[in-house]
Amino acid sequence: MLGRTHLAIGLATTAAVITNPHVLPEALITAGISSLIPDIDEEHSLIRRKIDIIPGLPLGFPLLLIADYFLWHYKYLSLLAAILFAVYTGFAYFTKHRGFTHSSIGFITFIIILALSDKMLLIPAIIGYGMHLIADLMTNAGIELLYPLKRRFGLHLFSTGSIIDQSIGLIELFIFFIILYQNFTGMRIPFRTFTRL
C-alpha cells in the first residue's frame, strides 16, 4: 500500500481505540510513525523520502543511529532498546522490501524496543505497525511474514497504488477526522447524517 494509505489507516484505528483526548496527540504521533516504519526498507517510500536527505543515498541510516544514541543518552531508550533499535535499523535499511520489517520477527523486535522504553506508547505502536502489516497482506505483493523464509503471504485483493489503495486511504482519512472530531467535542455524529447526503 501507499505510505499515505498506511498513515491514514494507522491514525484512524488509533483514534478509534484511544479516546482520551489528553493522551491522543502523543498516541497519534507514535501510531503515525509506527505505521510508516515498516517501509523504511524501501528507498522510494514516504518515510525514506523524509529522512534520506539526498535521494538515492541511505543517509537516513546514520541519522537514525545518531538519534538512537541521543535517545539512549537522554534516557528515552534503555541500553538494550538502543542496541535493538540499531540492529533493527541495520536490517531495515539493508534487506529487501517487504522482508524483515514486514515479518513477525521485525514486528516483535520493534515492539520489544518500545516495551523496554516507554510503555505508554506501546499500544499506538502496536496499532500503527500491526495495521501496516495487515494492510500489506491484502495486496498482490504480500509480505514475508515468516522471514527469513522467502515465502510471501497475501490475499491478492489489489495492487499498491491502485484506485482501491487510494480509495481506502481517502476513506480512512475521512473516518479519522470524524473520530477525531467526536473525541475532542464529545459529540456523536448520527449515521442518519450520512444517509441524507
C-alpha atoms as a PDB file:
ATOM      1  CA  MET A   1       0.000   0.000   0.000  1.00  0.00           C
ATOM      2  CA  LEU A   2       0.972   3.608  -0.392  1.00  0.00           C
ATOM      3  CA  GLY A   3       2.582   5.335   2.595  1.00  0.00           C
ATOM      4  CA  ARG A   4      -0.256   7.826   2.886  1.00  0.00           C
ATOM      5  CA  THR A   5      -2.781   4.953   2.975  1.00  0.00           C
ATOM      6  CA  HIS A   6      -0.825   3.239   5.753  1.00  0.00           C
ATOM      7  CA  LEU A   7      -0.687   6.530   7.641  1.00  0.00           C
ATOM      8  CA  ALA A   8      -4.444   7.113   7.312  1.00  0.00           C
ATOM      9  CA  ILE A   9      -5.247   3.550   8.457  1.00  0.00           C
ATOM     10  CA  GLY A  10      -2.915   3.808  11.469  1.00  0.00           C
ATOM     11  CA  LEU A  11      -4.303   7.189  12.538  1.00  0.00           C
ATOM     12  CA  ALA A  12      -7.955   6.195  12.110  1.00  0.00           C
ATOM     13  CA  THR A  13      -7.530   2.940  14.034  1.00  0.00           C
ATOM     14  CA  THR A  14      -5.620   4.643  16.853  1.00  0.00           C
ATOM     15  CA  ALA A  15      -8.205   7.419  17.153  1.00  0.00           C
ATOM     16  CA  ALA A  16     -10.933   4.763  17.366  1.00  0.00           C
ATOM     17  CA  VAL A  17      -9.125   2.780  20.088  1.00  0.00           C
ATOM     18  CA  ILE A  18      -7.621   5.595  22.202  1.00  0.00           C
ATOM     19  CA  THR A  19     -10.377   8.044  23.019  1.00  0.00           C
ATOM     20  CA  ASN A  20      -8.743  10.018  25.860  1.00  0.00           C
ATOM     21  CA  PRO A  21      -8.049  13.474  24.315  1.00  0.00           C
ATOM     22  CA  HIS A  22      -5.183  14.070  26.790  1.00  0.00           C
ATOM     23  CA  VAL A  23      -3.071  11.163  25.510  1.00  0.00           C
ATOM     24  CA  LEU A  24      -4.383  11.100  21.939  1.00  0.00           C
ATOM     25  CA  PRO A  25      -1.865  13.564  20.401  1.00  0.00           C
ATOM     26  CA  GLU A  26       1.169  11.507  21.550  1.00  0.00           C
ATOM     27  CA  ALA A  27      -0.616   8.301  20.590  1.00  0.00           C
ATOM     28  CA  LEU A  28      -1.329   9.605  17.079  1.00  0.00           C
ATOM     29  CA  ILE A  29       2.286  10.697  16.553  1.00  0.00           C
ATOM     30  CA  THR A  30       3.513   7.267  17.709  1.00  0.00           C
ATOM     31  CA  ALA A  31       0.977   5.402  15.567  1.00  0.00           C
ATOM     32  CA  GLY A  32       1.750   7.582  12.556  1.00  0.00           C
ATOM     33  CA  ILE A  33       5.489   6.918  12.746  1.00  0.00           C
ATOM     34  CA  SER A  34       4.910   3.231  13.516  1.00  0.00           C
ATOM     35  CA  SER A  35       2.606   2.879  10.513  1.00  0.00           C
ATOM     36  CA  LEU A  36       5.400   4.132   8.224  1.00  0.00           C
ATOM     37  CA  ILE A  37       8.409   2.406   9.858  1.00  0.00           C
ATOM     38  CA  PRO A  38       7.991  -0.966   8.060  1.00  0.00           C
ATOM     39  CA  ASP A  39       8.589   0.782   4.729  1.00  0.00           C
ATOM     40  CA  ILE A  40      11.981   2.066   5.836  1.00  0.00           C
ATOM     41  CA  ASP A  41      13.362  -0.806   3.737  1.00  0.00           C
ATOM     42  CA  GLU A  42      12.067   0.829   0.527  1.00  0.00           C
ATOM     43  CA  GLU A  43      14.184   3.618  -0.942  1.00  0.00           C
ATOM     44  CA  HIS A  44      11.201   5.425  -2.514  1.00  0.00           C
ATOM     45  CA  SER A  45       8.818   5.094   0.426  1.00  0.00           C
ATOM     46  CA  LEU A  46       7.253   8.078   2.166  1.00  0.00           C
ATOM     47  CA  ILE A  47       9.376   7.679   5.297  1.00  0.00           C
ATOM     48  CA  ARG A  48      12.652   7.262   3.388  1.00  0.00           C
ATOM     49  CA  ARG A  49      11.927  10.347   1.285  1.00  0.00           C
ATOM     50  CA  LYS A  50      11.583  12.277   4.551  1.00  0.00           C
ATOM     51  CA  ILE A  51      14.769  11.048   6.266  1.00  0.00           C
ATOM     52  CA  ASP A  52      17.175  10.453   3.361  1.00  0.00           C
ATOM     53  CA  ILE A  53      18.425  13.968   2.684  1.00  0.00           C
ATOM     54  CA  ILE A  54      19.872  13.134  -0.758  1.00  0.00           C
ATOM     55  CA  PRO A  55      17.710  10.809  -2.896  1.00  0.00           C
ATOM     56  CA  GLY A  56      19.446   7.510  -3.645  1.00  0.00           C
ATOM     57  CA  LEU A  57      21.819   7.694  -0.667  1.00  0.00           C
ATOM     58  CA  PRO A  58      20.809   5.951   2.597  1.00  0.00           C
ATOM     59  CA  LEU A  59      21.747   8.993   4.713  1.00  0.00           C
ATOM     60  CA  GLY A  60      18.796   8.342   6.986  1.00  0.00           C
ATOM     61  CA  PHE A  61      20.604   5.289   8.350  1.00  0.00           C
ATOM     62  CA  PRO A  62      23.440   7.193  10.105  1.00  0.00           C
ATOM     63  CA  LEU A  63      20.942   9.872  11.151  1.00  0.00           C
ATOM     64  CA  LEU A  64      18.783   7.216  12.820  1.00  0.00           C
ATOM     65  CA  LEU A  65      21.849   5.801  14.592  1.00  0.00           C
ATOM     66  CA  ILE A  66      22.720   9.296  15.862  1.00  0.00           C
ATOM     67  CA  ALA A  67      19.121   9.752  17.025  1.00  0.00           C
ATOM     68  CA  ASP A  68      19.330   6.323  18.681  1.00  0.00           C
ATOM     69  CA  TYR A  69      22.437   7.398  20.603  1.00  0.00           C
ATOM     70  CA  PHE A  70      20.781  10.604  21.857  1.00  0.00           C
ATOM     71  CA  LEU A  71      17.589   8.762  22.818  1.00  0.00           C
ATOM     72  CA  TRP A  72      19.742   6.409  24.920  1.00  0.00           C
ATOM     73  CA  HIS A  73      21.954   9.224  26.279  1.00  0.00           C
ATOM     74  CA  TYR A  74      18.935  11.219  27.480  1.00  0.00           C
ATOM     75  CA  LYS A  75      17.277   8.094  28.949  1.00  0.00           C
ATOM     76  CA  TYR A  76      14.394   7.795  26.498  1.00  0.00           C
ATOM     77  CA  LEU A  77      15.675   4.356  25.493  1.00  0.00           C
ATOM     78  CA  SER A  78      17.318   1.746  27.691  1.00  0.00           C
ATOM     79  CA  LEU A  79      20.697   0.441  26.547  1.00  0.00           C
ATOM     80  CA  LEU A  80      19.158  -2.836  25.363  1.00  0.00           C
ATOM     81  CA  ALA A  81      16.426  -0.952  23.482  1.00  0.00           C
ATOM     82  CA  ALA A  82      19.031   1.287  21.821  1.00  0.00           C
ATOM     83  CA  ILE A  83      21.066  -1.749  20.709  1.00  0.00           C
ATOM     84  CA  LEU A  84      17.938  -3.447  19.360  1.00  0.00           C
ATOM     85  CA  PHE A  85      16.961  -0.268  17.524  1.00  0.00           C
ATOM     86  CA  ALA A  86      20.409  -0.092  15.873  1.00  0.00           C
ATOM     87  CA  VAL A  87      20.087  -3.750  14.803  1.00  0.00           C
ATOM     88  CA  TYR A  88      16.524  -3.185  13.579  1.00  0.00           C
ATOM     89  CA  THR A  89      17.584  -0.120  11.570  1.00  0.00           C
ATOM     90  CA  GLY A  90      20.517  -2.006  10.034  1.00  0.00           C
ATOM     91  CA  PHE A  91      18.281  -4.842   8.890  1.00  0.00           C
ATOM     92  CA  ALA A  92      15.626  -2.405   7.715  1.00  0.00           C
ATOM     93  CA  TYR A  93      17.974  -0.396   5.517  1.00  0.00           C
ATOM     94  CA  PHE A  94      19.922  -3.243   4.002  1.00  0.00           C
ATOM     95  CA  THR A  95      17.376  -6.005   3.415  1.00  0.00           C
ATOM     96  CA  LYS A  96      14.886  -6.158   0.586  1.00  0.00           C
ATOM     97  CA  HIS A  97      11.455  -4.555   0.690  1.00  0.00           C
ATOM     98  CA  ARG A  98       8.687  -6.441   2.497  1.00  0.00           C
ATOM     99  CA  GLY A  99      11.193  -8.774   4.094  1.00  0.00           C
ATOM    100  CA  PHE A 100      12.451  -8.280   7.664  1.00  0.00           C
ATOM    101  CA  THR A 101      10.423  -5.172   8.518  1.00  0.00           C
ATOM    102  CA  HIS A 102       7.228  -6.791   7.236  1.00  0.00           C
ATOM    103  CA  SER A 103       7.737 -10.009   9.174  1.00  0.00           C
ATOM    104  CA  SER A 104       6.605 -11.206  12.570  1.00  0.00           C
ATOM    105  CA  ILE A 105      10.214 -11.025  13.827  1.00  0.00           C
ATOM    106  CA  GLY A 106      10.533  -7.400  12.671  1.00  0.00           C
ATOM    107  CA  PHE A 107       7.218  -6.531  14.329  1.00  0.00           C
ATOM    108  CA  ILE A 108       8.199  -8.250  17.596  1.00  0.00           C
ATOM    109  CA  THR A 109      11.627  -6.547  17.606  1.00  0.00           C
ATOM    110  CA  PHE A 110      10.043  -3.119  17.138  1.00  0.00           C
ATOM    111  CA  ILE A 111       7.509  -3.751  19.909  1.00  0.00           C
ATOM    112  CA  ILE A 112      10.233  -5.007  22.301  1.00  0.00           C
ATOM    113  CA  ILE A 113      12.197  -1.798  21.684  1.00  0.00           C
ATOM    114  CA  LEU A 114       9.223   0.264  22.867  1.00  0.00           C
ATOM    115  CA  ALA A 115       8.310  -2.162  25.658  1.00  0.00           C
ATOM    116  CA  LEU A 116      11.838  -1.701  27.061  1.00  0.00           C
ATOM    117  CA  SER A 117      11.419   2.064  26.878  1.00  0.00           C
ATOM    118  CA  ASP A 118       8.117   3.941  27.087  1.00  0.00           C
ATOM    119  CA  LYS A 119       5.236   1.572  27.744  1.00  0.00           C
ATOM    120  CA  MET A 120       2.746   4.438  27.313  1.00  0.00           C
ATOM    121  CA  LEU A 121       3.484   4.387  23.595  1.00  0.00           C
ATOM    122  CA  LEU A 122       3.238   0.621  23.246  1.00  0.00           C
ATOM    123  CA  ILE A 123      -0.449   0.356  22.259  1.00  0.00           C
ATOM    124  CA  PRO A 124      -0.350   3.002  19.484  1.00  0.00           C
ATOM    125  CA  ALA A 125       2.931   1.497  18.195  1.00  0.00           C
ATOM    126  CA  ILE A 126       1.328  -1.950  18.017  1.00  0.00           C
ATOM    127  CA  ILE A 127      -1.681  -0.462  16.222  1.00  0.00           C
ATOM    128  CA  GLY A 128       0.368   1.507  13.682  1.00  0.00           C
ATOM    129  CA  TYR A 129       2.842  -1.255  12.843  1.00  0.00           C
ATOM    130  CA  GLY A 130       0.275  -4.064  13.041  1.00  0.00           C
ATOM    131  CA  MET A 131      -2.178  -2.296  10.739  1.00  0.00           C
ATOM    132  CA  HIS A 132       0.635  -1.747   8.239  1.00  0.00           C
ATOM    133  CA  LEU A 133       1.303  -5.496   8.096  1.00  0.00           C
ATOM    134  CA  ILE A 134      -2.399  -6.336   7.850  1.00  0.00           C
ATOM    135  CA  ALA A 135      -2.878  -3.808   5.039  1.00  0.00           C
ATOM    136  CA  ASP A 136       0.100  -5.148   3.055  1.00  0.00           C
ATOM    137  CA  LEU A 137      -1.215  -8.693   3.500  1.00  0.00           C
ATOM    138  CA  MET A 138      -4.197  -7.626   1.375  1.00  0.00           C
ATOM    139  CA  THR A 139      -2.055  -6.549  -1.588  1.00  0.00           C
ATOM    140  CA  ASN A 140      -0.953  -8.632  -4.563  1.00  0.00           C
ATOM    141  CA  ALA A 141       2.706  -8.436  -3.478  1.00  0.00           C
ATOM    142  CA  GLY A 142       2.067  -9.847   0.011  1.00  0.00           C
ATOM    143  CA  ILE A 143       4.719  -9.945   2.752  1.00  0.00           C
ATOM    144  CA  GLU A 144       7.370 -12.344   4.053  1.00  0.00           C
ATOM    145  CA  LEU A 145       5.586 -12.876   7.352  1.00  0.00           C
ATOM    146  CA  LEU A 146       7.897 -15.734   8.394  1.00  0.00           C
ATOM    147  CA  TYR A 147      11.182 -14.047   7.404  1.00  0.00           C
ATOM    148  CA  PRO A 148      13.904 -15.286   6.832  1.00  0.00           C
ATOM    149  CA  LEU A 149      11.765 -17.780   4.907  1.00  0.00           C
ATOM    150  CA  LYS A 150      11.205 -16.373   1.408  1.00  0.00           C
ATOM    151  CA  ARG A 151       7.547 -17.400   1.119  1.00  0.00           C
ATOM    152  CA  ARG A 152       5.175 -14.453   0.778  1.00  0.00           C
ATOM    153  CA  PHE A 153       1.714 -14.415   2.284  1.00  0.00           C
ATOM    154  CA  GLY A 154      -1.084 -12.290   0.882  1.00  0.00           C
ATOM    155  CA  LEU A 155      -4.741 -12.146  -0.037  1.00  0.00           C
ATOM    156  CA  HIS A 156      -4.053 -10.662  -3.510  1.00  0.00           C
ATOM    157  CA  LEU A 157      -7.009  -8.257  -3.391  1.00  0.00           C
ATOM    158  CA  PHE A 158      -5.418  -5.244  -5.133  1.00  0.00           C
ATOM    159  CA  SER A 159      -2.133  -3.661  -6.179  1.00  0.00           C
ATOM    160  CA  THR A 160      -0.194  -0.972  -4.352  1.00  0.00           C
ATOM    161  CA  GLY A 161      -1.028   2.432  -5.807  1.00  0.00           C
ATOM    162  CA  SER A 162      -4.234   1.193  -7.448  1.00  0.00           C
ATOM    163  CA  ILE A 163      -7.512   3.081  -7.267  1.00  0.00           C
ATOM    164  CA  ILE A 164      -8.597   0.693  -4.490  1.00  0.00           C
ATOM    165  CA  ASP A 165      -5.465   1.513  -2.467  1.00  0.00           C
ATOM    166  CA  GLN A 166      -6.026   5.249  -2.928  1.00  0.00           C
ATOM    167  CA  SER A 167      -9.743   4.954  -2.128  1.00  0.00           C
ATOM    168  CA  ILE A 168      -9.001   3.095   1.108  1.00  0.00           C
ATOM    169  CA  GLY A 169      -6.626   5.904   2.072  1.00  0.00           C
ATOM    170  CA  LEU A 170      -9.251   8.599   1.438  1.00  0.00           C
ATOM    171  CA  ILE A 171     -11.974   6.691   3.283  1.00  0.00           C
ATOM    172  CA  GLU A 172      -9.689   6.078   6.276  1.00  0.00           C
ATOM    173  CA  LEU A 173      -8.687   9.751   6.332  1.00  0.00           C
ATOM    174  CA  PHE A 174     -12.361  10.742   6.358  1.00  0.00           C
ATOM    175  CA  ILE A 175     -13.067   8.266   9.179  1.00  0.00           C
ATOM    176  CA  PHE A 176     -10.050   9.605  11.101  1.00  0.00           C
ATOM    177  CA  PHE A 177     -11.332  13.193  11.014  1.00  0.00           C
ATOM    178  CA  ILE A 178     -14.840  12.113  12.045  1.00  0.00           C
ATOM    179  CA  ILE A 179     -13.483  10.128  15.010  1.00  0.00           C
ATOM    180  CA  LEU A 180     -11.107  12.960  15.942  1.00  0.00           C
ATOM    181  CA  TYR A 181     -13.982  15.430  15.903  1.00  0.00           C
ATOM    182  CA  GLN A 182     -16.035  13.144  18.123  1.00  0.00           C
ATOM    183  CA  ASN A 183     -13.137  12.556  20.538  1.00  0.00           C
ATOM    184  CA  PHE A 184     -12.440  16.244  21.074  1.00  0.00           C
ATOM    185  CA  THR A 185     -16.020  17.547  21.112  1.00  0.00           C
ATOM    186  CA  GLY A 186     -17.742  14.617  22.761  1.00  0.00           C
ATOM    187  CA  MET A 187     -20.402  14.838  20.059  1.00  0.00           C
ATOM    188  CA  ARG A 188     -21.597  11.746  18.254  1.00  0.00           C
ATOM    189  CA  ILE A 189     -22.474  12.152  14.612  1.00  0.00           C
ATOM    190  CA  PRO A 190     -25.537  10.040  13.853  1.00  0.00           C
ATOM    191  CA  PHE A 191     -25.394   7.698  10.886  1.00  0.00           C
ATOM    192  CA  ARG A 192     -28.542   9.363   9.506  1.00  0.00           C
ATOM    193  CA  THR A 193     -26.470  12.439   8.662  1.00  0.00           C
ATOM    194  CA  PHE A 194     -24.540  10.464   6.040  1.00  0.00           C
ATOM    195  CA  THR A 195     -27.560   8.670   4.601  1.00  0.00           C
ATOM    196  CA  ARG A 196     -29.098  12.041   3.648  1.00  0.00           C
ATOM    197  CA  LEU A 197     -26.074  13.050   1.528  1.00  0.00           C
END
